Amino acid sequence: MGDLHPGGAPATLRILRWLAEQNVRRVLEVGAGIGNTAARMASLGWDVTAIEPDPVLFARLRKRLGGSARCEQFLGHRPAARYDAIVAESVFFQMNLTQVFAHARDLLKAGGYLAFVEAVWTEKVTAAISSELHDSTQRLFGIPVGSREPLTWRDWSELLSESGFETLRAELLPRGSAGHPPTANWPASIAAIVRDPRLALWMARYRQRKRFARMPAGVQESRIFLGRTCGDLS
C-alpha cells in the first residue's frame, strides 16, 4: 500500500542514491516490512540482508527476497561479516537509540554508512505531549507516531556523534512529511484492494481513528540522515 515512512518513496530513492555514490555492496535493512526498499536495493545488484521481526510482514518479505530475509530483532542480529551500509526507515524511533547506534557501529566496516529517515520531535513538544501521543497512537494503530521521550534532532545528533558516527548529510524534509506516507501509485493501491477487499475496511478504520489522534502543530518534523563511522573500531 505504499512506502509507509516519512517522505515516502522519494526519501527512499534519495537514500539509495547517496549510498550508490559511495559504491556500497553489502547492505543491511532494519525493519524491512514487506520489502519495498529491500527489493529496490537488490535490483541495484547489492548484496542485501533484510530483517523484519513481525511474522506477518516477514512472510511477504521472504516471498520477495528468499534467503536474504531474516525474521529477527536488530539488536540480536549477528552476521558473519560486517556491512558496508545499514538502512532504516521510521524504525529506530521505537528503540533505545544508544543501543541501536552502538550496535549499528559494531555491524559496519570501518568507514561504513548508516542511513535512515525518521520523524522526530521538535523543541515545541513537552514530555507530557510526546508520552500521550506515543501511547494513544500505539493503542489506536498498533504503532506509535513517535518516541515516548521528547527526543529532538539535537538529541539524535548528539547520540550519533557519541556512538562514533560522522554526519555527512542531515536534511529536513518538507513540512507535512512527518507521519504522512502518501503514495502516488493509486492504481497499485486499488489493485491491492481488489485482491483483498479487507484493505478497504482497514483503510476506513485507519482514517476514522486518525480523527482521535490529532498532532499539535509544529511538534514533529522529518529528517533524512547519512552518516559514516569514524575513529577506531574496537
Protein backbone atom coordinates (compact mmCIF):
# COMPACT_ATOMS: atom_id res chain seq x y z
CA MET A 1 0.00 0.00 0.00
CA GLY A 2 2.97 2.34 -0.40
CA ASP A 3 6.17 3.29 1.37
CA LEU A 4 4.96 3.76 4.93
CA HIS A 5 7.52 6.17 6.31
CA PRO A 6 8.10 9.93 6.31
CA GLY A 7 8.97 11.23 2.87
CA GLY A 8 7.65 8.09 1.14
CA ALA A 9 9.39 6.69 -1.94
CA PRO A 10 11.23 9.95 -2.80
CA ALA A 11 13.05 9.82 0.56
CA THR A 12 13.98 6.18 -0.07
CA LEU A 13 15.34 6.94 -3.52
CA ARG A 14 17.43 9.79 -2.13
CA ILE A 15 18.99 7.44 0.43
CA LEU A 16 19.72 4.85 -2.24
CA ARG A 17 21.27 7.48 -4.50
CA TRP A 18 23.55 8.63 -1.68
CA LEU A 19 24.66 5.07 -0.96
CA ALA A 20 25.18 4.29 -4.64
CA GLU A 21 27.57 7.23 -4.79
CA GLN A 22 29.61 5.52 -2.05
CA ASN A 23 29.78 2.27 -4.05
CA VAL A 24 28.32 0.13 -1.28
CA ARG A 25 27.75 -3.55 -1.95
CA ARG A 26 26.81 -5.39 1.24
CA VAL A 27 23.80 -3.73 2.89
CA LEU A 28 21.53 -4.47 5.86
CA GLU A 29 17.97 -3.12 6.06
CA VAL A 30 16.46 -2.91 9.54
CA GLY A 31 12.68 -3.30 9.85
CA ALA A 32 12.26 -4.12 6.17
CA GLY A 33 8.48 -4.63 6.32
CA ILE A 34 7.16 -6.22 3.14
CA GLY A 35 10.39 -5.47 1.29
CA ASN A 36 9.78 -2.44 -0.92
CA THR A 37 13.15 -0.86 -0.19
CA ALA A 38 15.00 -4.17 0.02
CA ALA A 39 13.73 -5.10 -3.44
CA ARG A 40 14.93 -1.76 -4.82
CA MET A 41 18.38 -2.32 -3.34
CA ALA A 42 18.56 -5.87 -4.67
CA SER A 43 17.69 -4.54 -8.15
CA LEU A 44 20.84 -2.39 -7.93
CA GLY A 45 22.92 -5.55 -7.61
CA TRP A 46 23.66 -5.08 -3.91
CA ASP A 47 24.05 -7.98 -1.51
CA VAL A 48 21.03 -7.25 0.71
CA THR A 49 20.10 -8.73 4.07
CA ALA A 50 16.67 -7.62 5.28
CA ILE A 51 15.47 -8.22 8.83
CA GLU A 52 11.84 -7.92 9.96
CA PRO A 53 10.67 -9.21 13.37
CA ASP A 54 6.92 -9.12 12.63
CA PRO A 55 5.91 -12.59 11.36
CA VAL A 56 3.08 -11.31 9.14
CA LEU A 57 5.27 -8.78 7.36
CA PHE A 58 8.15 -11.24 7.24
CA ALA A 59 6.03 -13.79 5.35
CA ARG A 60 5.66 -11.29 2.49
CA LEU A 61 9.29 -10.20 2.77
CA ARG A 62 10.53 -13.77 2.47
CA LYS A 63 8.47 -14.32 -0.69
CA ARG A 64 10.23 -11.34 -2.27
CA LEU A 65 13.79 -11.90 -1.01
CA GLY A 66 14.02 -15.58 -0.18
CA GLY A 67 17.02 -16.48 1.94
CA SER A 68 18.12 -12.85 2.22
CA ALA A 69 15.23 -12.21 4.63
CA ARG A 70 15.61 -12.80 8.37
CA CYS A 71 12.85 -12.82 10.99
CA GLU A 72 14.73 -11.37 13.93
CA GLN A 73 15.31 -8.30 16.08
CA PHE A 74 18.02 -5.83 15.07
CA LEU A 75 19.82 -5.89 18.41
CA GLY A 76 20.05 -9.68 18.18
CA HIS A 77 21.43 -9.69 14.62
CA ARG A 78 24.92 -11.20 14.44
CA PRO A 79 26.16 -11.51 10.84
CA ALA A 80 29.20 -13.47 9.74
CA ALA A 81 30.73 -10.36 8.15
CA ARG A 82 30.33 -6.63 8.59
CA TYR A 83 28.24 -4.48 6.27
CA ASP A 84 29.10 -1.55 4.02
CA ALA A 85 25.85 0.18 4.99
CA ILE A 86 22.77 -0.07 7.19
CA VAL A 87 19.41 1.38 6.12
CA ALA A 88 16.30 2.01 8.23
CA GLU A 89 13.05 3.86 7.54
CA SER A 90 10.97 5.01 10.51
CA VAL A 91 12.24 2.17 12.70
CA PHE A 92 14.83 3.46 15.16
CA PHE A 93 12.49 5.85 17.00
CA GLN A 94 10.80 2.81 18.59
CA MET A 95 14.07 1.57 20.08
CA ASN A 96 16.75 2.60 22.56
CA LEU A 97 18.89 4.89 20.41
CA THR A 98 22.07 4.44 22.42
CA GLN A 99 21.87 0.67 21.95
CA VAL A 100 20.82 0.98 18.30
CA PHE A 101 23.66 3.27 17.25
CA ALA A 102 26.27 1.27 19.19
CA HIS A 103 25.10 -1.98 17.57
CA ALA A 104 24.97 -0.38 14.12
CA ARG A 105 28.57 0.74 14.51
CA ASP A 106 29.60 -2.77 15.55
CA LEU A 107 27.94 -4.22 12.43
CA LEU A 108 29.59 -1.80 9.99
CA LYS A 109 33.01 -1.94 8.39
CA ALA A 110 35.43 0.88 9.17
CA GLY A 111 34.08 3.86 7.23
CA GLY A 112 30.69 2.13 6.80
CA TYR A 113 27.47 4.08 6.31
CA LEU A 114 24.29 4.48 8.33
CA ALA A 115 21.28 5.93 6.50
CA PHE A 116 17.77 6.49 7.80
CA VAL A 117 14.65 8.61 7.63
CA GLU A 118 12.71 9.38 10.82
CA ALA A 119 10.01 11.62 12.25
CA VAL A 120 11.40 13.29 15.38
CA TRP A 121 10.05 15.73 17.94
CA THR A 122 10.81 19.45 17.81
CA GLU A 123 11.62 21.83 20.64
CA LYS A 124 7.88 22.64 20.85
CA VAL A 125 6.99 19.26 22.30
CA THR A 126 6.82 18.54 26.02
CA ALA A 127 7.42 15.24 27.79
CA ALA A 128 3.71 15.04 28.58
CA ILE A 129 2.69 15.55 24.92
CA SER A 130 5.22 13.06 23.49
CA SER A 131 4.20 10.44 26.06
CA GLU A 132 0.47 10.95 25.43
CA LEU A 133 0.82 10.84 21.64
CA HIS A 134 3.07 7.78 21.81
CA ASP A 135 0.62 5.84 23.97
CA SER A 136 -2.57 6.92 22.16
CA THR A 137 -1.27 6.16 18.67
CA GLN A 138 0.18 2.85 19.86
CA ARG A 139 -3.29 1.98 21.14
CA LEU A 140 -5.14 3.18 18.03
CA PHE A 141 -2.84 1.97 15.26
CA GLY A 142 -0.57 -0.64 16.82
CA ILE A 143 2.48 1.57 16.22
CA PRO A 144 3.34 4.89 17.87
CA VAL A 145 3.75 8.11 15.94
CA GLY A 146 6.95 8.96 17.79
CA SER A 147 9.17 8.10 20.71
CA ARG A 148 7.73 8.33 24.20
CA GLU A 149 10.60 10.58 25.25
CA PRO A 150 10.66 14.09 23.69
CA LEU A 151 13.86 13.44 21.71
CA THR A 152 14.64 16.22 19.22
CA TRP A 153 17.03 16.12 16.29
CA ARG A 154 19.65 17.71 18.53
CA ASP A 155 19.34 14.69 20.84
CA TRP A 156 19.60 12.28 17.92
CA SER A 157 22.67 14.09 16.57
CA GLU A 158 24.43 14.02 19.93
CA LEU A 159 23.78 10.31 20.35
CA LEU A 160 25.03 9.60 16.83
CA SER A 161 28.23 11.54 17.49
CA GLU A 162 28.78 9.83 20.84
CA SER A 163 28.36 6.45 19.12
CA GLY A 164 31.09 7.24 16.60
CA PHE A 165 29.18 8.49 13.56
CA GLU A 166 30.24 11.44 11.43
CA THR A 167 27.32 13.25 9.83
CA LEU A 168 27.59 13.53 6.04
CA ARG A 169 24.03 14.64 5.32
CA ALA A 170 21.16 15.57 7.62
CA GLU A 171 18.27 17.14 5.74
CA LEU A 172 14.93 18.42 6.94
CA LEU A 173 12.12 17.05 4.79
CA PRO A 174 9.31 19.35 3.62
CA ARG A 175 6.61 20.25 6.09
CA GLY A 176 3.92 17.58 6.17
CA SER A 177 6.31 14.66 5.65
CA ALA A 178 6.17 13.59 9.30
CA GLY A 179 3.53 10.97 9.86
CA HIS A 180 2.17 11.12 6.32
CA PRO A 181 3.02 8.20 3.99
CA PRO A 182 1.29 9.18 0.72
CA THR A 183 1.65 7.05 -2.36
CA ALA A 184 1.30 8.36 -5.88
CA ASN A 185 0.71 4.82 -7.15
CA TRP A 186 -3.07 4.73 -6.69
CA PRO A 187 -3.59 2.04 -9.37
CA ALA A 188 -1.43 -0.31 -7.28
CA SER A 189 -3.44 0.54 -4.17
CA ILE A 190 -6.73 -0.11 -5.95
CA ALA A 191 -5.40 -3.40 -7.32
CA ALA A 192 -4.39 -4.42 -3.80
CA ILE A 193 -7.93 -3.72 -2.55
CA VAL A 194 -9.37 -5.80 -5.37
CA ARG A 195 -7.12 -8.70 -4.36
CA ASP A 196 -8.03 -8.32 -0.69
CA PRO A 197 -11.24 -6.29 -0.05
CA ARG A 198 -10.47 -6.23 3.67
CA LEU A 199 -7.99 -3.46 2.90
CA ALA A 200 -10.88 -1.08 2.18
CA LEU A 201 -12.26 -1.70 5.66
CA TRP A 202 -8.85 -1.30 7.26
CA MET A 203 -8.25 1.97 5.39
CA ALA A 204 -11.64 3.33 6.51
CA ARG A 205 -10.91 2.31 10.09
CA TYR A 206 -7.48 3.96 9.91
CA ARG A 207 -8.96 7.23 8.67
CA GLN A 208 -11.60 7.17 11.38
CA ARG A 209 -9.05 6.56 14.11
CA LYS A 210 -6.81 9.37 12.82
CA ARG A 211 -9.54 11.77 13.91
CA PHE A 212 -8.79 10.80 17.52
CA ALA A 213 -5.03 11.29 17.22
CA ARG A 214 -4.59 14.93 16.27
CA MET A 215 -0.99 16.09 16.20
CA PRO A 216 -0.42 19.57 17.68
CA ALA A 217 1.07 21.91 15.09
CA GLY A 218 4.84 22.11 14.93
CA VAL A 219 5.74 19.37 17.41
CA GLN A 220 7.20 16.94 14.88
CA GLU A 221 9.43 17.07 11.82
CA SER A 222 11.07 14.57 9.46
CA ARG A 223 14.79 14.14 8.94
CA ILE A 224 16.82 12.12 6.46
CA PHE A 225 20.34 11.17 7.51
CA LEU A 226 23.54 9.74 6.09
CA GLY A 227 26.49 9.14 8.41
CA ARG A 228 29.80 7.30 8.40
CA THR A 229 31.67 5.50 11.13
CA CYS A 230 34.74 7.34 12.35
CA GLY A 231 37.53 6.55 14.78
CA ASP A 232 38.85 3.13 15.77
CA LEU A 233 36.53 0.15 15.80
CA SER A 234 37.03 -1.81 18.99
